[in-house]
C-alpha cells in the first residue's frame, strides 16, 4: 500500500489483494496454517493493511496452535473496536480497526497469562514492519519497546 490510503471501495479493490479485500471488507477468514504470519517470529509490529494503524507487537505474539497469528494484547488498545459476532451459530467477539473499520479477526478468553486473551487475527488484515524498518516507515516511537527486550 502507498502512503496515500484508499478512501472508497474502488480504491480498496485496487490497493488490496483479493484475499485482503475479502478479509478486511467482507469479514472473511483465511485458511489456518496457510497464511503469511501464523508462524512468523521476527521482531516488529503489525499494522492494519488498509490504514497503517499500529495494532500488535511481535513481543505479544504467541503460538496458539490455531494456525493464525495470535496475540495476548494489542499494542494500541484504542486502535481496536470490539463487536459482538453471532455468525456461524455461535457468539464471538469480532475485532476491527478503529480508523479503517477493517475486519481483523476475533478475540477469545483462552489466551496465556497475564491477560488470558487471544487476539486471533488474519494475516491478510495485517502488514508486518520489522524493527529495522520502524523508523523509516514512521513508527519509530515503538523502537524503545524492542530496546528493552533481549529476545
C-alpha atoms as a PDB file:
ATOM      1  CA  UNK A   1       0.000   0.000   0.000  1.00  0.00           C
ATOM      2  CA  UNK A   2       1.185   3.515  -0.683  1.00  0.00           C
ATOM      3  CA  UNK A   3       1.316   6.397   1.804  1.00  0.00           C
ATOM      4  CA  UNK A   4      -1.995   7.632   0.397  1.00  0.00           C
ATOM      5  CA  UNK A   5      -4.709   5.498   1.945  1.00  0.00           C
ATOM      6  CA  UNK A   6      -7.642   4.253  -0.127  1.00  0.00           C
ATOM      7  CA  UNK A   7     -10.810   6.253   0.517  1.00  0.00           C
ATOM      8  CA  UNK A   8     -13.533   4.313  -1.289  1.00  0.00           C
ATOM      9  CA  UNK A   9     -14.433   0.774  -2.274  1.00  0.00           C
ATOM     10  CA  UNK A  10     -12.939   1.001  -5.776  1.00  0.00           C
ATOM     11  CA  UNK A  11      -9.635   2.267  -4.372  1.00  0.00           C
ATOM     12  CA  UNK A  12      -9.638  -0.544  -1.804  1.00  0.00           C
ATOM     13  CA  UNK A  13     -10.259  -3.157  -4.507  1.00  0.00           C
ATOM     14  CA  UNK A  14      -7.292  -1.807  -6.466  1.00  0.00           C
ATOM     15  CA  UNK A  15      -4.950  -1.464  -3.475  1.00  0.00           C
ATOM     16  CA  UNK A  16      -5.630  -4.792  -1.758  1.00  0.00           C
ATOM     17  CA  UNK A  17      -5.213  -8.369  -2.912  1.00  0.00           C
ATOM     18  CA  UNK A  18      -8.414 -10.367  -3.339  1.00  0.00           C
ATOM     19  CA  UNK A  19      -7.804 -12.108  -0.015  1.00  0.00           C
ATOM     20  CA  UNK A  20      -7.014  -8.861   1.809  1.00  0.00           C
ATOM     21  CA  UNK A  21     -10.220  -7.337   0.470  1.00  0.00           C
ATOM     22  CA  UNK A  22     -12.303 -10.415   1.367  1.00  0.00           C
ATOM     23  CA  UNK A  23     -10.948 -10.478   4.927  1.00  0.00           C
ATOM     24  CA  UNK A  24     -10.937  -6.763   5.753  1.00  0.00           C
ATOM     25  CA  UNK A  25     -14.053  -5.625   3.874  1.00  0.00           C
ATOM     26  CA  UNK A  26     -16.249  -8.745   3.785  1.00  0.00           C
ATOM     27  CA  UNK A  27     -15.397 -10.307   7.188  1.00  0.00           C
ATOM     28  CA  UNK A  28     -13.644 -13.245   5.542  1.00  0.00           C
ATOM     29  CA  UNK A  29     -11.265 -15.708   7.153  1.00  0.00           C
ATOM     30  CA  UNK A  30      -8.084 -17.019   5.597  1.00  0.00           C
ATOM     31  CA  UNK A  31      -7.086 -20.684   5.897  1.00  0.00           C
ATOM     32  CA  UNK A  32      -5.241 -21.700   9.074  1.00  0.00           C
ATOM     33  CA  UNK A  33      -1.569 -22.680   8.766  1.00  0.00           C
ATOM     34  CA  UNK A  34      -1.511 -21.311   5.201  1.00  0.00           C
ATOM     35  CA  UNK A  35      -1.187 -17.613   5.853  1.00  0.00           C
ATOM     36  CA  UNK A  36       1.753 -15.262   5.997  1.00  0.00           C
ATOM     37  CA  UNK A  37       2.220 -14.613   9.715  1.00  0.00           C
ATOM     38  CA  UNK A  38       0.865 -17.589  11.644  1.00  0.00           C
ATOM     39  CA  UNK A  39       4.371 -18.846  12.462  1.00  0.00           C
ATOM     40  CA  UNK A  40       6.383 -15.633  11.987  1.00  0.00           C
ATOM     41  CA  UNK A  41       8.933 -14.990  14.705  1.00  0.00           C
ATOM     42  CA  UNK A  42      10.668 -11.796  13.521  1.00  0.00           C
ATOM     43  CA  UNK A  43      10.596  -8.786  15.858  1.00  0.00           C
ATOM     44  CA  UNK A  44       8.478  -5.790  14.891  1.00  0.00           C
ATOM     45  CA  UNK A  45       4.915  -4.535  14.791  1.00  0.00           C
ATOM     46  CA  UNK A  46       1.780  -5.435  12.881  1.00  0.00           C
ATOM     47  CA  UNK A  47      -0.340  -2.664  11.389  1.00  0.00           C
ATOM     48  CA  UNK A  48      -3.721  -2.558   9.646  1.00  0.00           C
ATOM     49  CA  UNK A  49      -3.114  -3.344   5.963  1.00  0.00           C
ATOM     50  CA  UNK A  50      -5.636  -0.643   4.982  1.00  0.00           C
ATOM     51  CA  UNK A  51      -4.871   2.291   7.288  1.00  0.00           C
ATOM     52  CA  UNK A  52      -1.444   1.554   8.743  1.00  0.00           C
ATOM     53  CA  UNK A  53      -2.808   1.839  12.290  1.00  0.00           C
ATOM     54  CA  UNK A  54      -0.370   0.144  14.727  1.00  0.00           C
ATOM     55  CA  UNK A  55      -2.199  -2.843  16.197  1.00  0.00           C
ATOM     56  CA  UNK A  56       0.059  -5.550  17.649  1.00  0.00           C
ATOM     57  CA  UNK A  57       3.668  -6.201  18.613  1.00  0.00           C
ATOM     58  CA  UNK A  58       5.682  -9.343  17.994  1.00  0.00           C
ATOM     59  CA  UNK A  59       6.523  -9.166  21.725  1.00  0.00           C
ATOM     60  CA  UNK A  60       2.909 -10.175  22.465  1.00  0.00           C
ATOM     61  CA  UNK A  61       2.627 -12.796  19.684  1.00  0.00           C
ATOM     62  CA  UNK A  62       2.497 -16.462  20.628  1.00  0.00           C
ATOM     63  CA  UNK A  63       1.793 -19.850  19.080  1.00  0.00           C
ATOM     64  CA  UNK A  64      -1.820 -20.612  19.938  1.00  0.00           C
ATOM     65  CA  UNK A  65      -1.837 -23.796  17.867  1.00  0.00           C
ATOM     66  CA  UNK A  66      -4.724 -22.455  15.766  1.00  0.00           C
ATOM     67  CA  UNK A  67      -2.783 -21.629  12.588  1.00  0.00           C
ATOM     68  CA  UNK A  68      -3.488 -17.890  12.741  1.00  0.00           C
ATOM     69  CA  UNK A  69      -1.325 -15.154  14.243  1.00  0.00           C
ATOM     70  CA  UNK A  70      -2.338 -14.761  17.879  1.00  0.00           C
ATOM     71  CA  UNK A  71      -1.501 -12.009  20.332  1.00  0.00           C
ATOM     72  CA  UNK A  72      -2.056 -11.729  24.092  1.00  0.00           C
ATOM     73  CA  UNK A  73      -2.773  -7.986  23.919  1.00  0.00           C
ATOM     74  CA  UNK A  74      -2.933  -5.108  21.458  1.00  0.00           C
ATOM     75  CA  UNK A  75      -0.107  -2.648  21.002  1.00  0.00           C
ATOM     76  CA  UNK A  76      -2.600   0.233  20.903  1.00  0.00           C
ATOM     77  CA  UNK A  77      -5.916  -0.772  22.536  1.00  0.00           C
ATOM     78  CA  UNK A  78      -7.611   2.414  21.322  1.00  0.00           C
ATOM     79  CA  UNK A  79      -6.976   1.364  17.721  1.00  0.00           C
ATOM     80  CA  UNK A  80      -9.288  -1.644  18.096  1.00  0.00           C
ATOM     81  CA  UNK A  81     -13.065  -1.914  18.203  1.00  0.00           C
ATOM     82  CA  UNK A  82     -14.822  -4.994  19.558  1.00  0.00           C
ATOM     83  CA  UNK A  83     -18.238  -6.076  18.285  1.00  0.00           C
ATOM     84  CA  UNK A  84     -20.496  -8.980  19.042  1.00  0.00           C
ATOM     85  CA  UNK A  85     -20.472 -11.546  16.232  1.00  0.00           C
ATOM     86  CA  UNK A  86     -23.290 -14.109  16.117  1.00  0.00           C
ATOM     87  CA  UNK A  87     -22.383 -15.658  12.770  1.00  0.00           C
ATOM     88  CA  UNK A  88     -21.643 -19.372  12.394  1.00  0.00           C
ATOM     89  CA  UNK A  89     -24.279 -20.169  15.041  1.00  0.00           C
ATOM     90  CA  UNK A  90     -22.026 -19.041  17.879  1.00  0.00           C
ATOM     91  CA  UNK A  91     -21.298 -15.969  19.919  1.00  0.00           C
ATOM     92  CA  UNK A  92     -17.864 -14.427  19.415  1.00  0.00           C
ATOM     93  CA  UNK A  93     -16.179 -11.052  19.720  1.00  0.00           C
ATOM     94  CA  UNK A  94     -15.121  -9.596  16.391  1.00  0.00           C
ATOM     95  CA  UNK A  95     -12.086  -7.284  16.350  1.00  0.00           C
ATOM     96  CA  UNK A  96     -11.950  -4.382  13.872  1.00  0.00           C
ATOM     97  CA  UNK A  97      -9.560  -1.494  13.379  1.00  0.00           C
ATOM     98  CA  UNK A  98     -10.911   1.848  14.524  1.00  0.00           C
ATOM     99  CA  UNK A  99      -9.697   4.115  11.708  1.00  0.00           C
ATOM    100  CA  UNK A 100     -10.307   1.890   8.670  1.00  0.00           C
ATOM    101  CA  UNK A 101     -13.032  -0.341  10.162  1.00  0.00           C
ATOM    102  CA  UNK A 102     -11.139  -3.359   8.793  1.00  0.00           C
ATOM    103  CA  UNK A 103     -12.214  -6.790   9.988  1.00  0.00           C
ATOM    104  CA  UNK A 104      -9.102  -8.216  11.679  1.00  0.00           C
ATOM    105  CA  UNK A 105     -10.235 -11.392  13.414  1.00  0.00           C
ATOM    106  CA  UNK A 106     -11.728 -12.421  16.755  1.00  0.00           C
ATOM    107  CA  UNK A 107     -10.987 -12.168  20.461  1.00  0.00           C
ATOM    108  CA  UNK A 108     -11.181 -15.197  22.762  1.00  0.00           C
ATOM    109  CA  UNK A 109     -10.641 -15.656  26.501  1.00  0.00           C
ATOM    110  CA  UNK A 110      -8.390 -18.725  26.246  1.00  0.00           C
ATOM    111  CA  UNK A 111      -5.025 -16.968  25.910  1.00  0.00           C
ATOM    112  CA  UNK A 112      -1.920 -17.054  28.104  1.00  0.00           C
ATOM    113  CA  UNK A 113      -1.243 -15.125  31.299  1.00  0.00           C
ATOM    114  CA  UNK A 114      -1.197 -12.376  32.246  1.00  0.00           C
ATOM    115  CA  UNK A 115      -4.154 -11.256  30.090  1.00  0.00           C
ATOM    116  CA  UNK A 116      -5.850 -14.605  29.402  1.00  0.00           C
ATOM    117  CA  UNK A 117      -6.764 -13.179  25.993  1.00  0.00           C
ATOM    118  CA  UNK A 118      -6.184 -14.472  22.470  1.00  0.00           C
ATOM    119  CA  UNK A 119      -6.466 -11.953  19.683  1.00  0.00           C
ATOM    120  CA  UNK A 120      -6.747 -14.381  16.776  1.00  0.00           C
ATOM    121  CA  UNK A 121      -6.054 -12.300  13.667  1.00  0.00           C
ATOM    122  CA  UNK A 122      -5.977 -12.849   9.925  1.00  0.00           C
ATOM    123  CA  UNK A 123      -2.571 -12.300   8.336  1.00  0.00           C
ATOM    124  CA  UNK A 124      -4.334 -10.793   5.319  1.00  0.00           C
ATOM    125  CA  UNK A 125      -5.574  -7.921   7.513  1.00  0.00           C
ATOM    126  CA  UNK A 126      -2.071  -7.124   8.738  1.00  0.00           C
ATOM    127  CA  UNK A 127       1.189  -5.753   7.415  1.00  0.00           C
ATOM    128  CA  UNK A 128       4.365  -6.534   9.330  1.00  0.00           C
ATOM    129  CA  UNK A 129       7.022  -3.897   9.883  1.00  0.00           C
ATOM    130  CA  UNK A 130      10.336  -5.303  11.162  1.00  0.00           C
ATOM    131  CA  UNK A 131      12.226  -3.449  13.894  1.00  0.00           C
ATOM    132  CA  UNK A 132      14.905  -2.259  11.473  1.00  0.00           C
ATOM    133  CA  UNK A 133      12.220  -0.549   9.328  1.00  0.00           C
ATOM    134  CA  UNK A 134      10.188   1.094  12.104  1.00  0.00           C
ATOM    135  CA  UNK A 135      11.931   4.465  11.910  1.00  0.00           C
ATOM    136  CA  UNK A 136      11.947   4.595   8.101  1.00  0.00           C
ATOM    137  CA  UNK A 137       8.231   3.788   7.919  1.00  0.00           C
ATOM    138  CA  UNK A 138       7.168   6.347  10.521  1.00  0.00           C
ATOM    139  CA  UNK A 139       6.780   4.029  13.515  1.00  0.00           C
ATOM    140  CA  UNK A 140       9.990   4.986  15.327  1.00  0.00           C
ATOM    141  CA  UNK A 141       8.100   5.684  18.552  1.00  0.00           C
ATOM    142  CA  UNK A 142       7.861   1.888  19.020  1.00  0.00           C
ATOM    143  CA  UNK A 143      11.635   1.278  18.922  1.00  0.00           C
ATOM    144  CA  UNK A 144      12.033   1.635  22.708  1.00  0.00           C
ATOM    145  CA  UNK A 145       9.812  -1.431  23.213  1.00  0.00           C
ATOM    146  CA  UNK A 146      12.369  -3.574  21.442  1.00  0.00           C
ATOM    147  CA  UNK A 147      15.417  -1.925  23.010  1.00  0.00           C
ATOM    148  CA  UNK A 148      14.189  -3.009  26.467  1.00  0.00           C
ATOM    149  CA  UNK A 149      13.939  -6.672  25.477  1.00  0.00           C
ATOM    150  CA  UNK A 150      16.709  -9.123  24.779  1.00  0.00           C
ATOM    151  CA  UNK A 151      14.698 -11.695  22.792  1.00  0.00           C
END
